[in-house]
Amino acid sequence: MPSWSFFSSSSPTDDEDERLTPAQRRMYAMEKGFNFRTLSKLCATQSARTLGPDDLVSAAVFAELAGVGQFAEAAYPLVPPEYIFDNLDTLMKKDFPLEGYDALPGTKLISGFRSTVAKSAGYVAYRTNTQQLVVSFSGSMTLTQFVYNVKVTKMKHPAGKGCYVHAGAWDVYNGMQATVKELVAKGLKENDVREVMITGHSQGASLASLFAFDALDTQSSICHGLPLLIVAFGSPRVANQTLAEHFRARVAAYEGTHGVGTVREYLIKAYNDGATSFPPIWMGFRHITTSQLYLYRGGLLRIPPSESECGLFPVSRDALDVARPVEHPRGGHGYYSGRDIEKVVRRVTYFKKMMESGGTDWEKEYLSYISKLEREEAAQQ
């Protein structure tokens, strides 16, 4: 993830700083990428609705979505997806980049893909143990991709009269749309698929939402009427009100044709993640779905549809597991699914560097390098 410090964070209060553990101080000292906490202060609307224990998702749903998040994060093109899925045994070792990514084993890559616009990436894969076809889109990694994120003019969407879409996201999606559909068709033909999972983080969540809109079209049958699991992590707004209503109508029509419950959709917003409040509603943008969850201090709570354009929510104390340590108390764009995405990106970058060095002990050198670098960066705080 690129670094523009104005949007990355806001200064913590003295009280917040005093409550941080040494490990958390180290983690925040090493932040260099986007977390959009300042953007949250500028753009996010505070809901008047307090979320409570009745809004918590079940442990099973929490665990499933954390697993989906691993596939969203694996789309970041620091190394080719072919390398990731061919070398999971190495990548998942202790202190290696994908340590703890226990949902990835048993996955067979169909192919990676890139947009002809901004080179935004993703992949299509098949989970043999769950019989899911995975369609995952990467978030922004380059300045060019970021420029398309802030291209916040609206352009007509072909769904119908009055439908408008985020111009930057639509440009990027149009540059990959045909390829993604071809790879999905290939994956469905070659595998016994029970469900199609569509996911992404950040810009990838926007692209996932646009592909989901196409997949929900009962006339095109892109996904052969199979159940759909749509999970967008930290998605910006991509639609106007009319297009959002079309999306919700397509969900209803898909379930009407293929059965109630054949569409499970989640937009997950993290505390202090301003990306989910951008572009602002006064510019005419809306979230494409009202089926939303709020990630706060390790808990995942349902957001009432009436509050779907809010970015911040009060959470009652009795909805929190106060006995469990909070790993990422400041929230932000890079801490979905209980992981520090920037740490993963950093480790993958160093891993690639050591791997390409060609040394006979490159794995040992990688571990030594990571240990030294993280100690040095922590000392600079």
Protein backbone atom coordinates (compact mmCIF):
# COMPACT_ATOMS: atom_id res chain seq x y z
CA MET A 1 0.00 0.00 0.00
CA PRO A 2 1.43 3.43 -0.89
CA SER A 3 2.06 6.11 1.69
CA TRP A 4 0.59 9.59 1.86
CA SER A 5 0.86 10.57 5.51
CA PHE A 6 -1.92 13.18 5.62
CA PHE A 7 -4.54 10.51 5.01
CA SER A 8 -2.75 7.77 6.90
CA SER A 9 -3.41 8.57 10.49
CA SER A 10 -4.37 11.12 13.06
CA SER A 11 -2.37 11.86 16.16
CA PRO A 12 -3.49 9.87 19.19
CA THR A 13 -4.39 11.63 22.40
CA ASP A 14 -2.06 11.33 25.38
CA ASP A 15 -4.57 8.99 27.05
CA GLU A 16 -4.70 6.74 24.00
CA ASP A 17 -0.93 6.65 23.82
CA GLU A 18 -0.62 5.70 27.49
CA ARG A 19 -2.99 2.76 27.07
CA LEU A 20 -1.01 1.18 24.23
CA THR A 21 1.04 -1.92 24.97
CA PRO A 22 4.71 -2.00 23.88
CA ALA A 23 3.73 -4.27 20.97
CA GLN A 24 1.04 -1.82 19.84
CA ARG A 25 3.43 1.13 20.10
CA ARG A 26 5.83 -0.79 17.90
CA MET A 27 3.08 -1.65 15.41
CA TYR A 28 1.90 1.94 15.07
CA ALA A 29 5.47 3.26 14.89
CA MET A 30 5.98 1.11 11.80
CA GLU A 31 2.88 2.36 9.97
CA LYS A 32 3.71 3.87 6.60
CA GLY A 33 0.63 3.11 4.49
CA PHE A 34 -2.91 4.37 4.31
CA ASN A 35 -5.17 3.99 7.31
CA PHE A 36 -7.48 6.94 6.61
CA ARG A 37 -8.08 7.90 10.24
CA THR A 38 -7.87 11.60 9.37
CA LEU A 39 -10.25 11.04 6.46
CA SER A 40 -12.64 9.41 8.92
CA LYS A 41 -12.64 12.57 11.01
CA LEU A 42 -13.32 14.67 7.92
CA CYS A 43 -15.95 12.55 6.15
CA ALA A 44 -17.49 9.93 8.44
CA THR A 45 -20.99 10.49 9.79
CA GLN A 46 -21.53 9.47 13.42
CA SER A 47 -24.60 7.29 13.90
CA ALA A 48 -27.01 8.01 16.73
CA ARG A 49 -27.73 4.27 16.99
CA THR A 50 -25.73 2.44 19.65
CA LEU A 51 -24.72 -1.06 18.61
CA GLY A 52 -25.19 -3.66 21.34
CA PRO A 53 -24.84 -7.37 22.08
CA ASP A 54 -27.90 -8.24 19.97
CA ASP A 55 -26.03 -6.86 16.93
CA LEU A 56 -23.03 -9.17 17.28
CA VAL A 57 -22.57 -11.79 14.56
CA SER A 58 -22.12 -15.41 15.58
CA ALA A 59 -18.68 -16.89 16.18
CA ALA A 60 -19.16 -19.03 13.06
CA VAL A 61 -19.85 -16.01 10.84
CA PHE A 62 -16.94 -14.11 12.41
CA ALA A 63 -14.56 -17.00 11.67
CA GLU A 64 -15.86 -17.46 8.13
CA LEU A 65 -15.41 -13.79 7.27
CA ALA A 66 -11.92 -13.74 8.78
CA GLY A 67 -11.08 -16.60 6.42
CA VAL A 68 -12.54 -14.74 3.45
CA GLY A 69 -10.32 -11.81 4.40
CA GLN A 70 -7.26 -13.97 3.82
CA PHE A 71 -8.29 -14.43 0.19
CA ALA A 72 -8.88 -10.69 -0.20
CA GLU A 73 -5.42 -9.90 1.17
CA ALA A 74 -3.76 -12.57 -0.99
CA ALA A 75 -4.82 -10.58 -4.07
CA TYR A 76 -2.25 -7.84 -3.44
CA PRO A 77 0.23 -8.44 -6.31
CA LEU A 78 3.51 -8.21 -4.40
CA VAL A 79 4.35 -11.65 -5.75
CA PRO A 80 2.41 -13.45 -8.50
CA PRO A 81 -0.59 -15.45 -7.26
CA GLU A 82 0.98 -18.51 -8.90
CA TYR A 83 3.87 -18.27 -6.46
CA ILE A 84 1.59 -17.80 -3.45
CA PHE A 85 -0.57 -20.86 -4.02
CA ASP A 86 2.36 -23.04 -5.12
CA ASN A 87 4.44 -22.21 -2.04
CA LEU A 88 1.99 -22.00 0.85
CA ASP A 89 4.00 -24.47 2.96
CA THR A 90 6.93 -22.04 3.00
CA LEU A 91 4.94 -18.81 3.15
CA MET A 92 2.91 -19.99 6.17
CA LYS A 93 5.90 -20.86 8.37
CA LYS A 94 6.36 -18.94 11.61
CA ASP A 95 7.47 -15.34 10.94
CA PHE A 96 6.95 -15.80 7.21
CA PRO A 97 4.54 -13.52 5.28
CA LEU A 98 1.40 -15.68 5.44
CA GLU A 99 1.79 -17.06 8.95
CA GLY A 100 -1.71 -17.80 10.27
CA TYR A 101 -3.42 -17.76 6.86
CA ASP A 102 -5.03 -21.11 7.55
CA ALA A 103 -7.89 -20.71 5.04
CA LEU A 104 -5.58 -20.78 2.01
CA PRO A 105 -4.36 -24.43 1.96
CA GLY A 106 -6.31 -26.62 -0.44
CA THR A 107 -6.75 -23.78 -2.92
CA LYS A 108 -6.02 -24.30 -6.62
CA LEU A 109 -5.31 -21.20 -8.69
CA ILE A 110 -7.24 -20.83 -11.94
CA SER A 111 -5.36 -17.69 -13.01
CA GLY A 112 -4.37 -14.21 -12.01
CA PHE A 113 -5.59 -11.20 -13.98
CA ARG A 114 -4.83 -7.51 -14.42
CA SER A 115 -6.88 -4.60 -15.65
CA THR A 116 -5.76 -2.83 -18.80
CA VAL A 117 -6.42 0.34 -16.78
CA ALA A 118 -3.95 1.07 -13.95
CA LYS A 119 -2.87 -2.60 -13.92
CA SER A 120 -5.10 -3.38 -10.94
CA ALA A 121 -4.87 -7.08 -10.15
CA GLY A 122 -6.74 -10.07 -8.82
CA TYR A 123 -7.15 -13.81 -9.26
CA VAL A 124 -9.68 -16.60 -9.63
CA ALA A 125 -9.10 -19.80 -7.63
CA TYR A 126 -10.91 -22.92 -6.44
CA ARG A 127 -11.07 -24.05 -2.80
CA THR A 128 -11.14 -27.83 -2.97
CA ASN A 129 -12.11 -28.26 0.69
CA THR A 130 -15.18 -25.97 0.53
CA GLN A 131 -15.98 -26.24 -3.20
CA GLN A 132 -15.96 -22.47 -3.54
CA LEU A 133 -14.82 -20.55 -6.59
CA VAL A 134 -12.94 -17.48 -5.33
CA VAL A 135 -12.91 -14.21 -7.28
CA SER A 136 -10.61 -11.80 -5.45
CA PHE A 137 -9.63 -8.23 -6.35
CA SER A 138 -6.58 -6.35 -5.08
CA GLY A 139 -6.60 -2.99 -3.39
CA SER A 140 -4.46 -0.09 -4.60
CA MET A 141 -0.68 -0.53 -4.69
CA THR A 142 0.52 2.27 -6.97
CA LEU A 143 0.10 6.00 -7.38
CA THR A 144 -1.74 5.43 -10.67
CA GLN A 145 -4.27 3.17 -8.96
CA PHE A 146 -4.72 5.73 -6.19
CA VAL A 147 -5.45 8.41 -8.80
CA TYR A 148 -8.37 6.30 -10.05
CA ASN A 149 -9.64 6.03 -6.46
CA VAL A 150 -9.92 9.82 -6.25
CA LYS A 151 -11.43 10.19 -9.73
CA VAL A 152 -14.76 10.87 -8.05
CA THR A 153 -16.79 12.12 -10.97
CA LYS A 154 -19.84 10.04 -11.81
CA MET A 155 -20.49 8.36 -15.14
CA LYS A 156 -23.48 6.50 -16.54
CA HIS A 157 -23.78 2.83 -15.69
CA PRO A 158 -25.47 0.59 -18.29
CA ALA A 159 -27.92 -0.84 -15.71
CA GLY A 160 -30.59 1.68 -16.59
CA LYS A 161 -31.87 5.23 -16.53
CA GLY A 162 -30.47 7.34 -13.74
CA CYS A 163 -27.76 4.82 -12.77
CA TYR A 164 -24.37 6.39 -12.14
CA VAL A 165 -21.12 4.86 -10.93
CA HIS A 166 -17.78 6.06 -9.51
CA ALA A 167 -15.85 6.92 -12.69
CA GLY A 168 -12.43 5.75 -11.49
CA ALA A 169 -13.65 2.38 -10.23
CA TRP A 170 -15.69 1.86 -13.39
CA ASP A 171 -12.70 2.60 -15.64
CA VAL A 172 -10.57 0.04 -13.79
CA TYR A 173 -13.34 -2.56 -13.75
CA ASN A 174 -14.04 -2.15 -17.46
CA GLY A 175 -10.39 -2.95 -18.11
CA MET A 176 -10.72 -6.39 -16.48
CA GLN A 177 -14.42 -7.24 -16.78
CA ALA A 178 -14.19 -9.53 -19.82
CA THR A 179 -11.14 -11.39 -18.50
CA VAL A 180 -12.70 -11.99 -15.09
CA LYS A 181 -15.88 -13.37 -16.64
CA GLU A 182 -13.83 -15.71 -18.87
CA LEU A 183 -11.85 -17.01 -15.88
CA VAL A 184 -15.02 -17.54 -13.84
CA ALA A 185 -16.50 -19.52 -16.73
CA LYS A 186 -13.31 -21.60 -16.88
CA GLY A 187 -13.36 -22.22 -13.13
CA LEU A 188 -17.00 -23.30 -13.17
CA LYS A 189 -16.44 -25.62 -16.11
CA GLU A 190 -13.39 -27.36 -14.64
CA ASN A 191 -14.51 -27.74 -11.01
CA ASP A 192 -17.42 -28.92 -8.89
CA VAL A 193 -18.44 -25.54 -7.48
CA ARG A 194 -21.04 -25.16 -4.73
CA GLU A 195 -20.64 -21.41 -4.08
CA VAL A 196 -18.93 -18.40 -5.67
CA MET A 197 -17.03 -16.14 -3.27
CA ILE A 198 -16.48 -12.54 -4.46
CA THR A 199 -14.18 -10.42 -2.31
CA GLY A 200 -11.67 -7.61 -2.12
CA HIS A 201 -10.15 -5.00 0.18
CA SER A 202 -10.15 -1.23 -0.43
CA GLN A 203 -10.24 -0.53 -4.18
CA GLY A 204 -10.54 -4.29 -4.55
CA ALA A 205 -13.79 -4.14 -2.58
CA SER A 206 -15.15 -1.57 -5.04
CA LEU A 207 -14.21 -3.81 -7.96
CA ALA A 208 -15.71 -6.84 -6.21
CA SER A 209 -18.98 -4.94 -5.79
CA LEU A 210 -19.10 -4.06 -9.49
CA PHE A 211 -18.43 -7.67 -10.47
CA ALA A 212 -21.07 -8.84 -7.98
CA PHE A 213 -23.57 -6.53 -9.70
CA ASP A 214 -22.87 -8.36 -12.97
CA ALA A 215 -22.95 -11.79 -11.29
CA LEU A 216 -26.40 -11.03 -9.85
CA ASP A 217 -27.90 -10.47 -13.30
CA THR A 218 -30.29 -13.40 -13.71
CA GLN A 219 -30.34 -12.85 -17.48
CA SER A 220 -26.60 -13.41 -17.96
CA SER A 221 -26.11 -16.41 -15.61
CA ILE A 222 -22.42 -15.63 -15.11
CA CYS A 223 -22.34 -17.81 -12.00
CA HIS A 224 -24.87 -20.40 -13.21
CA GLY A 225 -27.33 -19.52 -10.45
CA LEU A 226 -24.98 -20.79 -7.74
CA PRO A 227 -25.06 -19.35 -4.22
CA LEU A 228 -22.99 -16.16 -3.92
CA LEU A 229 -20.91 -14.97 -0.97
CA ILE A 230 -20.02 -11.29 -1.47
CA VAL A 231 -17.63 -9.76 1.09
CA ALA A 232 -16.25 -6.24 0.66
CA PHE A 233 -13.64 -5.08 3.21
CA GLY A 234 -13.20 -1.32 3.62
CA SER A 235 -15.03 -0.39 0.42
CA PRO A 236 -15.42 3.20 -0.74
CA ARG A 237 -18.82 4.22 -2.11
CA VAL A 238 -19.18 3.30 -5.80
CA ALA A 239 -22.81 4.04 -6.74
CA ASN A 240 -25.48 6.69 -6.73
CA GLN A 241 -28.80 5.99 -5.03
CA THR A 242 -30.46 4.67 -8.20
CA LEU A 243 -27.66 2.21 -8.98
CA ALA A 244 -27.62 1.06 -5.35
CA GLU A 245 -31.35 0.39 -5.58
CA HIS A 246 -30.77 -1.61 -8.77
CA PHE A 247 -28.18 -3.71 -6.94
CA ARG A 248 -30.62 -4.49 -4.13
CA ALA A 249 -33.33 -5.31 -6.67
CA ARG A 250 -30.93 -7.74 -8.34
CA VAL A 251 -30.25 -9.44 -5.01
CA ALA A 252 -34.00 -9.91 -4.51
CA ALA A 253 -34.47 -11.17 -8.08
CA TYR A 254 -31.55 -13.60 -7.79
CA GLU A 255 -32.97 -15.06 -4.59
CA GLY A 256 -36.43 -15.13 -6.15
CA THR A 257 -35.07 -17.18 -9.04
CA HIS A 258 -32.54 -19.41 -7.28
CA GLY A 259 -33.84 -19.57 -3.71
CA VAL A 260 -33.89 -17.57 -0.51
CA GLY A 261 -30.43 -17.38 1.03
CA THR A 262 -28.53 -17.88 -2.23
CA VAL A 263 -26.98 -14.43 -1.76
CA ARG A 264 -24.96 -13.67 1.36
CA GLU A 265 -23.50 -10.18 1.23
CA TYR A 266 -21.41 -8.17 3.67
CA LEU A 267 -19.76 -4.77 3.51
CA ILE A 268 -17.40 -4.61 6.48
CA LYS A 269 -16.47 -1.19 7.86
CA ALA A 270 -13.72 -0.84 10.43
CA TYR A 271 -13.67 1.75 13.19
CA ASN A 272 -11.75 4.86 12.04
CA ASP A 273 -11.54 3.71 8.41
CA GLY A 274 -12.36 6.83 6.43
CA ALA A 275 -12.20 4.95 3.12
CA THR A 276 -15.73 3.65 3.75
CA SER A 277 -16.99 7.25 4.00
CA PHE A 278 -15.45 8.34 0.69
CA PRO A 279 -16.54 9.77 -1.66
CA PRO A 280 -18.76 11.74 0.73
CA ILE A 281 -22.52 11.45 0.51
CA TRP A 282 -22.89 15.14 -0.37
CA MET A 283 -21.29 14.28 -3.73
CA GLY A 284 -24.20 11.95 -4.47
CA PHE A 285 -22.46 8.63 -3.76
CA ARG A 286 -23.98 5.75 -1.81
CA HIS A 287 -22.92 2.30 -0.69
CA ILE A 288 -24.18 -0.35 -3.06
CA THR A 289 -25.45 -2.58 -0.24
CA THR A 290 -27.12 -1.96 3.11
CA SER A 291 -26.02 -5.38 4.42
CA GLN A 292 -23.15 -4.10 6.53
CA LEU A 293 -21.02 -4.98 9.55
CA TYR A 294 -18.92 -2.80 11.87
CA LEU A 295 -15.53 -4.00 13.09
CA TYR A 296 -14.80 -2.48 16.49
CA ARG A 297 -12.22 -3.58 19.06
CA GLY A 298 -12.27 -7.17 17.86
CA GLY A 299 -16.07 -7.44 17.61
CA LEU A 300 -18.17 -7.59 14.45
CA LEU A 301 -21.63 -6.03 14.73
CA ARG A 302 -24.54 -5.70 12.31
CA ILE A 303 -25.29 -2.18 11.10
CA PRO A 304 -29.01 -1.39 10.73
CA PRO A 305 -29.89 -0.69 7.07
CA SER A 306 -31.15 2.76 8.08
CA GLU A 307 -27.61 3.63 9.23
CA SER A 308 -25.77 2.25 6.19
CA GLU A 309 -24.21 5.58 5.20
CA CYS A 310 -22.73 6.20 8.66
CA GLY A 311 -19.06 5.48 9.25
CA LEU A 312 -18.78 5.61 13.03
CA PHE A 313 -20.97 3.99 15.68
CA PRO A 314 -21.16 4.04 19.47
CA VAL A 315 -20.83 0.50 20.82
CA SER A 316 -22.14 -0.47 24.24
CA ARG A 317 -19.64 -1.92 26.68
CA ASP A 318 -21.70 -5.09 27.16
CA ALA A 319 -21.20 -5.89 23.45
CA LEU A 320 -17.44 -6.07 23.95
CA ASP A 321 -15.34 -8.93 25.24
CA VAL A 322 -13.52 -6.83 27.83
CA ALA A 323 -11.45 -9.81 28.96
CA ARG A 324 -9.88 -10.18 25.51
CA PRO A 325 -6.95 -7.88 24.68
CA VAL A 326 -7.63 -5.48 21.81
CA GLU A 327 -4.92 -5.87 19.19
CA HIS A 328 -5.70 -2.85 17.00
CA PRO A 329 -7.37 -0.22 19.22
CA ARG A 330 -6.97 2.71 16.80
CA GLY A 331 -8.81 0.96 13.98
CA GLY A 332 -8.12 2.11 10.44
CA HIS A 333 -8.00 0.79 6.90
CA GLY A 334 -5.21 -1.76 7.34
CA TYR A 335 -6.51 -3.86 10.23
CA TYR A 336 -9.36 -6.01 8.94
CA SER A 337 -9.90 -9.64 9.97
CA GLY A 338 -7.68 -9.28 13.03
CA ARG A 339 -4.52 -8.79 10.98
CA ASP A 340 -2.03 -5.99 10.34
CA ILE A 341 -2.15 -5.90 6.53
CA GLU A 342 0.82 -3.56 6.33
CA LYS A 343 2.96 -6.03 8.26
CA VAL A 344 2.02 -8.74 5.76
CA VAL A 345 2.90 -6.43 2.85
CA ARG A 346 6.22 -5.55 4.47
CA ARG A 347 7.13 -9.19 5.01
CA VAL A 348 6.12 -10.22 1.49
CA THR A 349 8.31 -7.43 0.09
CA TYR A 350 11.35 -8.58 2.07
CA PHE A 351 10.59 -12.22 1.33
CA LYS A 352 10.60 -11.51 -2.40
CA LYS A 353 13.89 -9.62 -2.10
CA MET A 354 15.60 -12.48 -0.25
CA MET A 355 14.11 -15.13 -2.52
CA GLU A 356 15.36 -13.35 -5.63
CA SER A 357 18.85 -12.93 -4.17
CA GLY A 358 19.59 -16.54 -5.11
CA GLY A 359 21.47 -17.32 -1.90
CA THR A 360 21.53 -20.89 -0.61
CA ASP A 361 20.38 -19.80 2.87
CA TRP A 362 17.87 -17.18 1.75
CA GLU A 363 15.18 -18.37 4.18
CA LYS A 364 17.56 -17.93 7.11
CA GLU A 365 18.64 -14.55 5.74
CA TYR A 366 14.99 -13.51 5.43
CA LEU A 367 14.27 -14.31 9.08
CA SER A 368 17.41 -12.49 10.19
CA TYR A 369 16.55 -9.50 8.03
CA ILE A 370 12.97 -9.30 9.30
CA SER A 371 14.08 -9.51 12.92
CA LYS A 372 16.72 -6.83 12.46
CA LEU A 373 14.49 -4.49 10.47
CA GLU A 374 11.54 -4.70 12.84
CA ARG A 375 13.83 -4.08 15.83
CA GLU A 376 15.38 -1.04 14.13
CA GLU A 377 12.06 0.43 13.06
CA ALA A 378 10.60 -0.10 16.52
CA ALA A 379 13.60 1.69 18.06
CA GLN A 380 12.86 4.76 15.92
CA GLN A 381 9.52 5.39 17.62
